Amino acid sequence: MAKGKVRQFYKYIFGSDLDFYEEFTIHLSDEEQGRFFDDNPDFMCDFPVKRDKMYLLKERMFRRILRKIGKCEGGKG
């Protein structure tokens, strides 16, 4: 496997839910995101974001704050 593919695979496997959200989920419509969150109730469970506030995740500043909180709490952030 090429180095770039290996790096991308490790990021996918070992990255945080926030990384996954930014890479794959952020581009979904609001309805699709709602279904994704419904189908994956443990997704983003390490972050203080409720289902009804998921629109906040589209804001870059909010995601940066979540990362800082995660790092302060000893998580991946």
PDB file of N, CA and C in Angstrom:
ATOM      1  N   MET A   1       0.854  -1.174   0.000  1.00  0.00           N
ATOM      2  CA  MET A   1       0.000   0.000   0.000  1.00  0.00           C
ATOM      3  C   MET A   1       0.904   1.243   0.000  1.00  0.00           C
ATOM      4  N   ALA A   2       0.518   2.253  -0.741  1.00  0.00           N
ATOM      5  CA  ALA A   2       1.298   3.492  -0.829  1.00  0.00           C
ATOM      6  C   ALA A   2       1.277   4.233   0.512  1.00  0.00           C
ATOM      7  N   LYS A   3       2.319   5.014   0.763  1.00  0.00           N
ATOM      8  CA  LYS A   3       2.431   5.741   2.039  1.00  0.00           C
ATOM      9  C   LYS A   3       1.224   6.637   2.294  1.00  0.00           C
ATOM     10  N   GLY A   4       0.761   7.324   1.266  1.00  0.00           N
ATOM     11  CA  GLY A   4      -0.390   8.211   1.426  1.00  0.00           C
ATOM     12  C   GLY A   4      -1.637   7.449   1.841  1.00  0.00           C
ATOM     13  N   LYS A   5      -1.833   6.284   1.251  1.00  0.00           N
ATOM     14  CA  LYS A   5      -2.993   5.455   1.592  1.00  0.00           C
ATOM     15  C   LYS A   5      -2.883   4.920   3.008  1.00  0.00           C
ATOM     16  N   VAL A   6      -1.688   4.534   3.414  1.00  0.00           N
ATOM     17  CA  VAL A   6      -1.468   4.031   4.768  1.00  0.00           C
ATOM     18  C   VAL A   6      -1.750   5.136   5.780  1.00  0.00           C
ATOM     19  N   ARG A   7      -1.245   6.334   5.507  1.00  0.00           N
ATOM     20  CA  ARG A   7      -1.464   7.482   6.389  1.00  0.00           C
ATOM     21  C   ARG A   7      -2.960   7.787   6.500  1.00  0.00           C
ATOM     22  N   GLN A   8      -3.651   7.768   5.368  1.00  0.00           N
ATOM     23  CA  GLN A   8      -5.089   8.032   5.361  1.00  0.00           C
ATOM     24  C   GLN A   8      -5.841   6.943   6.142  1.00  0.00           C
ATOM     25  N   PHE A   9      -5.424   5.698   6.000  1.00  0.00           N
ATOM     26  CA  PHE A   9      -6.048   4.594   6.722  1.00  0.00           C
ATOM     27  C   PHE A   9      -5.864   4.753   8.227  1.00  0.00           C
ATOM     28  N   TYR A  10      -4.641   5.069   8.671  1.00  0.00           N
ATOM     29  CA  TYR A  10      -4.385   5.254  10.099  1.00  0.00           C
ATOM     30  C   TYR A  10      -5.169   6.434  10.660  1.00  0.00           C
ATOM     31  N   LYS A  11      -5.275   7.504   9.884  1.00  0.00           N
ATOM     32  CA  LYS A  11      -6.059   8.659  10.329  1.00  0.00           C
ATOM     33  C   LYS A  11      -7.520   8.262  10.489  1.00  0.00           C
ATOM     34  N   TYR A  12      -8.020   7.457   9.563  1.00  0.00           N
ATOM     35  CA  TYR A  12      -9.406   6.990   9.623  1.00  0.00           C
ATOM     36  C   TYR A  12      -9.630   6.106  10.851  1.00  0.00           C
ATOM     37  N   ILE A  13      -8.721   5.194  11.116  1.00  0.00           N
ATOM     38  CA  ILE A  13      -8.869   4.242  12.219  1.00  0.00           C
ATOM     39  C   ILE A  13      -8.624   4.896  13.576  1.00  0.00           C
ATOM     40  N   PHE A  14      -7.561   5.677  13.691  1.00  0.00           N
ATOM     41  CA  PHE A  14      -7.155   6.202  14.990  1.00  0.00           C
ATOM     42  C   PHE A  14      -7.565   7.650  15.239  1.00  0.00           C
ATOM     43  N   GLY A  15      -8.182   8.280  14.274  1.00  0.00           N
ATOM     44  CA  GLY A  15      -8.608   9.665  14.437  1.00  0.00           C
ATOM     45  C   GLY A  15      -9.818   9.767  15.352  1.00  0.00           C
ATOM     46  N   SER A  16     -10.124  10.975  15.749  1.00  0.00           N
ATOM     47  CA  SER A  16     -11.279  11.193  16.616  1.00  0.00           C
ATOM     48  C   SER A  16     -12.551  11.263  15.784  1.00  0.00           C
ATOM     49  N   ASP A  17     -13.673  11.251  16.455  1.00  0.00           N
ATOM     50  CA  ASP A  17     -14.957  11.413  15.772  1.00  0.00           C
ATOM     51  C   ASP A  17     -15.022  12.772  15.086  1.00  0.00           C
ATOM     52  N   LEU A  18     -14.381  13.747  15.674  1.00  0.00           N
ATOM     53  CA  LEU A  18     -14.383  15.082  15.082  1.00  0.00           C
ATOM     54  C   LEU A  18     -13.619  15.078  13.754  1.00  0.00           C
ATOM     55  N   ASP A  19     -12.516  14.344  13.690  1.00  0.00           N
ATOM     56  CA  ASP A  19     -11.785  14.196  12.430  1.00  0.00           C
ATOM     57  C   ASP A  19     -12.675  13.547  11.379  1.00  0.00           C
ATOM     58  N   PHE A  20     -13.358  12.483  11.768  1.00  0.00           N
ATOM     59  CA  PHE A  20     -14.254  11.780  10.854  1.00  0.00           C
ATOM     60  C   PHE A  20     -15.364  12.711  10.386  1.00  0.00           C
ATOM     61  N   TYR A  21     -15.923  13.490  11.311  1.00  0.00           N
ATOM     62  CA  TYR A  21     -16.982  14.421  10.957  1.00  0.00           C
ATOM     63  C   TYR A  21     -16.494  15.411   9.897  1.00  0.00           C
ATOM     64  N   GLU A  22     -15.306  15.981  10.124  1.00  0.00           N
ATOM     65  CA  GLU A  22     -14.766  16.966   9.184  1.00  0.00           C
ATOM     66  C   GLU A  22     -14.452  16.352   7.827  1.00  0.00           C
ATOM     67  N   GLU A  23     -14.054  15.113   7.812  1.00  0.00           N
ATOM     68  CA  GLU A  23     -13.660  14.464   6.563  1.00  0.00           C
ATOM     69  C   GLU A  23     -14.864  13.970   5.758  1.00  0.00           C
ATOM     70  N   PHE A  24     -15.862  13.404   6.433  1.00  0.00           N
ATOM     71  CA  PHE A  24     -16.923  12.708   5.712  1.00  0.00           C
ATOM     72  C   PHE A  24     -18.331  13.248   5.950  1.00  0.00           C
ATOM     73  N   THR A  25     -18.654  13.639   7.141  1.00  0.00           N
ATOM     74  CA  THR A  25     -20.037  13.920   7.507  1.00  0.00           C
ATOM     75  C   THR A  25     -20.437  15.375   7.304  1.00  0.00           C
ATOM     76  N   ILE A  26     -19.502  16.287   7.377  1.00  0.00           N
ATOM     77  CA  ILE A  26     -19.815  17.713   7.310  1.00  0.00           C
ATOM     78  C   ILE A  26     -20.479  18.095   5.986  1.00  0.00           C
ATOM     79  N   HIS A  27     -20.211  17.359   4.933  1.00  0.00           N
ATOM     80  CA  HIS A  27     -20.726  17.686   3.608  1.00  0.00           C
ATOM     81  C   HIS A  27     -22.122  17.124   3.344  1.00  0.00           C
ATOM     82  N   LEU A  28     -22.659  16.362   4.283  1.00  0.00           N
ATOM     83  CA  LEU A  28     -24.002  15.811   4.117  1.00  0.00           C
ATOM     84  C   LEU A  28     -25.047  16.897   4.370  1.00  0.00           C
ATOM     85  N   SER A  29     -26.214  16.710   3.808  1.00  0.00           N
ATOM     86  CA  SER A  29     -27.308  17.651   4.087  1.00  0.00           C
ATOM     87  C   SER A  29     -27.748  17.487   5.541  1.00  0.00           C
ATOM     88  N   ASP A  30     -28.538  18.431   6.017  1.00  0.00           N
ATOM     89  CA  ASP A  30     -29.013  18.363   7.402  1.00  0.00           C
ATOM     90  C   ASP A  30     -29.814  17.085   7.650  1.00  0.00           C
ATOM     91  N   GLU A  31     -30.622  16.689   6.683  1.00  0.00           N
ATOM     92  CA  GLU A  31     -31.415  15.462   6.832  1.00  0.00           C
ATOM     93  C   GLU A  31     -30.521  14.230   6.869  1.00  0.00           C
ATOM     94  N   GLU A  32     -29.508  14.203   5.995  1.00  0.00           N
ATOM     95  CA  GLU A  32     -28.584  13.071   5.978  1.00  0.00           C
ATOM     96  C   GLU A  32     -27.765  13.013   7.263  1.00  0.00           C
ATOM     97  N   GLN A  33     -27.347  14.171   7.748  1.00  0.00           N
ATOM     98  CA  GLN A  33     -26.616  14.192   9.021  1.00  0.00           C
ATOM     99  C   GLN A  33     -27.510  13.700  10.148  1.00  0.00           C
ATOM    100  N   GLY A  34     -28.765  14.112  10.142  1.00  0.00           N
ATOM    101  CA  GLY A  34     -29.704  13.657  11.160  1.00  0.00           C
ATOM    102  C   GLY A  34     -29.841  12.142  11.157  1.00  0.00           C
ATOM    103  N   ARG A  35     -29.949  11.566   9.968  1.00  0.00           N
ATOM    104  CA  ARG A  35     -30.039  10.097   9.859  1.00  0.00           C
ATOM    105  C   ARG A  35     -28.748   9.444  10.323  1.00  0.00           C
ATOM    106  N   PHE A  36     -27.613  10.040   9.960  1.00  0.00           N
ATOM    107  CA  PHE A  36     -26.329   9.483  10.378  1.00  0.00           C
ATOM    108  C   PHE A  36     -26.220   9.470  11.896  1.00  0.00           C
ATOM    109  N   PHE A  37     -26.579  10.578  12.540  1.00  0.00           N
ATOM    110  CA  PHE A  37     -26.519  10.654  14.001  1.00  0.00           C
ATOM    111  C   PHE A  37     -27.527   9.682  14.629  1.00  0.00           C
ATOM    112  N   ASP A  38     -28.682   9.514  14.017  1.00  0.00           N
ATOM    113  CA  ASP A  38     -29.673   8.561  14.528  1.00  0.00           C
ATOM    114  C   ASP A  38     -29.170   7.129  14.411  1.00  0.00           C
ATOM    115  N   ASP A  39     -28.522   6.817  13.277  1.00  0.00           N
ATOM    116  CA  ASP A  39     -28.021   5.469  13.041  1.00  0.00           C
ATOM    117  C   ASP A  39     -26.767   5.147  13.848  1.00  0.00           C
ATOM    118  N   ASN A  40     -26.060   6.179  14.298  1.00  0.00           N
ATOM    119  CA  ASN A  40     -24.804   6.010  15.039  1.00  0.00           C
ATOM    120  C   ASN A  40     -24.859   6.806  16.331  1.00  0.00           C
ATOM    121  N   PRO A  41     -25.641   6.352  17.299  1.00  0.00           N
ATOM    122  CA  PRO A  41     -25.849   7.139  18.524  1.00  0.00           C
ATOM    123  C   PRO A  41     -24.581   7.357  19.350  1.00  0.00           C
ATOM    124  N   ASP A  42     -23.564   6.526  19.193  1.00  0.00           N
ATOM    125  CA  ASP A  42     -22.320   6.698  19.943  1.00  0.00           C
ATOM    126  C   ASP A  42     -21.357   7.672  19.279  1.00  0.00           C
ATOM    127  N   PHE A  43     -21.673   8.088  18.061  1.00  0.00           N
ATOM    128  CA  PHE A  43     -20.811   9.023  17.344  1.00  0.00           C
ATOM    129  C   PHE A  43     -20.806  10.360  18.069  1.00  0.00           C
ATOM    130  N   MET A  44     -19.643  10.904  18.294  1.00  0.00           N
ATOM    131  CA  MET A  44     -19.434  12.186  18.977  1.00  0.00           C
ATOM    132  C   MET A  44     -19.834  12.131  20.449  1.00  0.00           C
ATOM    133  N   CYS A  45     -19.903  10.945  21.030  1.00  0.00           N
ATOM    134  CA  CYS A  45     -20.307  10.835  22.433  1.00  0.00           C
ATOM    135  C   CYS A  45     -19.248  11.406  23.385  1.00  0.00           C
ATOM    136  N   ASP A  46     -18.013  11.579  22.902  1.00  0.00           N
ATOM    137  CA  ASP A  46     -16.963  12.165  23.738  1.00  0.00           C
ATOM    138  C   ASP A  46     -17.027  13.692  23.770  1.00  0.00           C
ATOM    139  N   PHE A  47     -17.897  14.254  22.956  1.00  0.00           N
ATOM    140  CA  PHE A  47     -18.008  15.707  22.860  1.00  0.00           C
ATOM    141  C   PHE A  47     -19.388  16.155  23.346  1.00  0.00           C
ATOM    142  N   PRO A  48     -19.458  17.343  23.949  1.00  0.00           N
ATOM    143  CA  PRO A  48     -20.733  17.821  24.506  1.00  0.00           C
ATOM    144  C   PRO A  48     -21.657  18.417  23.444  1.00  0.00           C
ATOM    145  N   VAL A  49     -22.043  17.589  22.459  1.00  0.00           N
ATOM    146  CA  VAL A  49     -22.923  18.052  21.389  1.00  0.00           C
ATOM    147  C   VAL A  49     -24.143  17.138  21.343  1.00  0.00           C
ATOM    148  N   LYS A  50     -25.284  17.713  21.553  1.00  0.00           N
ATOM    149  CA  LYS A  50     -26.532  16.949  21.498  1.00  0.00           C
ATOM    150  C   LYS A  50     -27.045  16.938  20.060  1.00  0.00           C
ATOM    151  N   ARG A  51     -27.889  16.006  19.788  1.00  0.00           N
ATOM    152  CA  ARG A  51     -28.451  15.827  18.438  1.00  0.00           C
ATOM    153  C   ARG A  51     -29.090  17.111  17.918  1.00  0.00           C
ATOM    154  N   ASP A  52     -29.787  17.844  18.768  1.00  0.00           N
ATOM    155  CA  ASP A  52     -30.484  19.050  18.334  1.00  0.00           C
ATOM    156  C   ASP A  52     -29.548  20.242  18.120  1.00  0.00           C
ATOM    157  N   LYS A  53     -28.280  20.111  18.487  1.00  0.00           N
ATOM    158  CA  LYS A  53     -27.300  21.189  18.311  1.00  0.00           C
ATOM    159  C   LYS A  53     -26.211  20.820  17.302  1.00  0.00           C
ATOM    160  N   MET A  54     -26.438  19.780  16.504  1.00  0.00           N
ATOM    161  CA  MET A  54     -25.403  19.326  15.584  1.00  0.00           C
ATOM    162  C   MET A  54     -25.070  20.364  14.512  1.00  0.00           C
ATOM    163  N   TYR A  55     -25.963  21.318  14.269  1.00  0.00           N
ATOM    164  CA  TYR A  55     -25.674  22.365  13.293  1.00  0.00           C
ATOM    165  C   TYR A  55     -24.448  23.184  13.719  1.00  0.00           C
ATOM    166  N   LEU A  56     -24.152  23.214  15.016  1.00  0.00           N
ATOM    167  CA  LEU A  56     -22.980  23.939  15.504  1.00  0.00           C
ATOM    168  C   LEU A  56     -21.677  23.330  14.988  1.00  0.00           C
ATOM    169  N   LEU A  57     -21.701  22.036  14.673  1.00  0.00           N
ATOM    170  CA  LEU A  57     -20.491  21.360  14.203  1.00  0.00           C
ATOM    171  C   LEU A  57     -20.018  21.896  12.861  1.00  0.00           C
ATOM    172  N   LYS A  58     -20.880  22.544  12.129  1.00  0.00           N
ATOM    173  CA  LYS A  58     -20.483  23.091  10.832  1.00  0.00           C
ATOM    174  C   LYS A  58     -19.609  24.338  10.986  1.00  0.00           C
ATOM    175  N   GLU A  59     -19.597  24.902  12.176  1.00  0.00           N
ATOM    176  CA  GLU A  59     -18.793  26.092  12.441  1.00  0.00           C
ATOM    177  C   GLU A  59     -17.366  25.695  12.841  1.00  0.00           C
ATOM    178  N   ARG A  60     -16.403  26.190  12.090  1.00  0.00           N
ATOM    179  CA  ARG A  60     -14.994  25.846  12.337  1.00  0.00           C
ATOM    180  C   ARG A  60     -14.551  26.229  13.747  1.00  0.00           C
ATOM    181  N   MET A  61     -14.959  27.398  14.216  1.00  0.00           N
ATOM    182  CA  MET A  61     -14.565  27.867  15.547  1.00  0.00           C
ATOM    183  C   MET A  61     -15.092  26.920  16.634  1.00  0.00           C
ATOM    184  N   PHE A  62     -16.319  26.447  16.474  1.00  0.00           N
ATOM    185  CA  PHE A  62     -16.896  25.521  17.441  1.00  0.00           C
ATOM    186  C   PHE A  62     -16.096  24.221  17.478  1.00  0.00           C
ATOM    187  N   ARG A  63     -15.705  23.719  16.291  1.00  0.00           N
ATOM    188  CA  ARG A  63     -14.901  22.489  16.247  1.00  0.00           C
ATOM    189  C   ARG A  63     -13.542  22.700  16.896  1.00  0.00           C
ATOM    190  N   ARG A  64     -12.948  23.883  16.735  1.00  0.00           N
ATOM    191  CA  ARG A  64     -11.665  24.173  17.392  1.00  0.00           C
ATOM    192  C   ARG A  64     -11.827  24.165  18.908  1.00  0.00           C
ATOM    193  N   ILE A  65     -12.904  24.740  19.389  1.00  0.00           N
ATOM    194  CA  ILE A  65     -13.167  24.735  20.832  1.00  0.00           C
ATOM    195  C   ILE A  65     -13.332  23.309  21.336  1.00  0.00           C
ATOM    196  N   LEU A  66     -14.062  22.485  20.588  1.00  0.00           N
ATOM    197  CA  LEU A  66     -14.230  21.080  20.989  1.00  0.00           C
ATOM    198  C   LEU A  66     -12.882  20.361  21.048  1.00  0.00           C
ATOM    199  N   ARG A  67     -12.007  20.643  20.087  1.00  0.00           N
ATOM    200  CA  ARG A  67     -10.678  20.017  20.096  1.00  0.00           C
ATOM    201  C   ARG A  67      -9.885  20.437  21.337  1.00  0.00           C
ATOM    202  N   LYS A  68      -9.943  21.712  21.668  1.00  0.00           N
ATOM    203  CA  LYS A  68      -9.233  22.191  22.863  1.00  0.00           C
ATOM    204  C   LYS A  68      -9.781  21.563  24.127  1.00  0.00           C
ATOM    205  N   ILE A  69     -11.089  21.440  24.218  1.00  0.00           N
ATOM    206  CA  ILE A  69     -11.702  20.777  25.375  1.00  0.00           C
ATOM    207  C   ILE A  69     -11.218  19.337  25.448  1.00  0.00           C
ATOM    208  N   GLY A  70     -11.215  18.647  24.306  1.00  0.00           N
ATOM    209  CA  GLY A  70     -10.764  17.254  24.265  1.00  0.00           C
ATOM    210  C   GLY A  70      -9.321  17.103  24.717  1.00  0.00           C
ATOM    211  N   LYS A  71      -8.468  18.028  24.290  1.00  0.00           N
ATOM    212  CA  LYS A  71      -7.054  17.946  24.690  1.00  0.00           C
ATOM    213  C   LYS A  71      -6.895  18.213  26.191  1.00  0.00           C
ATOM    214  N   CYS A  72      -7.673  19.154  26.716  1.00  0.00           N
ATOM    215  CA  CYS A  72      -7.612  19.455  28.156  1.00  0.00           C
ATOM    216  C   CYS A  72      -8.078  18.268  28.993  1.00  0.00           C
ATOM    217  N   GLU A  73      -9.029  17.514  28.447  1.00  0.00           N
ATOM    218  CA  GLU A  73      -9.563  16.369  29.178  1.00  0.00           C
ATOM    219  C   GLU A  73      -8.749  15.108  28.931  1.00  0.00           C
ATOM    220  N   GLY A  74      -7.696  15.222  28.126  1.00  0.00           N
ATOM    221  CA  GLY A  74      -6.815  14.081  27.896  1.00  0.00           C
ATOM    222  C   GLY A  74      -7.232  13.184  26.758  1.00  0.00           C
ATOM    223  N   GLY A  75      -8.185  13.611  25.965  1.00  0.00           N
ATOM    224  CA  GLY A  75      -8.628  12.803  24.825  1.00  0.00           C
ATOM    225  C   GLY A  75      -7.860  13.155  23.579  1.00  0.00           C
ATOM    226  N   LYS A  76      -8.333  12.628  22.466  1.00  0.00           N
ATOM    227  CA  LYS A  76      -7.687  12.871  21.180  1.00  0.00           C
ATOM    228  C   LYS A  76      -7.883  14.305  20.711  1.00  0.00           C
ATOM    229  N   GLY A  77      -9.095  14.838  20.975  1.00  0.00           N
ATOM    230  CA  GLY A  77      -9.380  16.209  20.572  1.00  0.00           C
ATOM    231  C   GLY A  77      -9.312  16.372  19.147  1.00  0.00           C
TER     232      GLY A  77
END
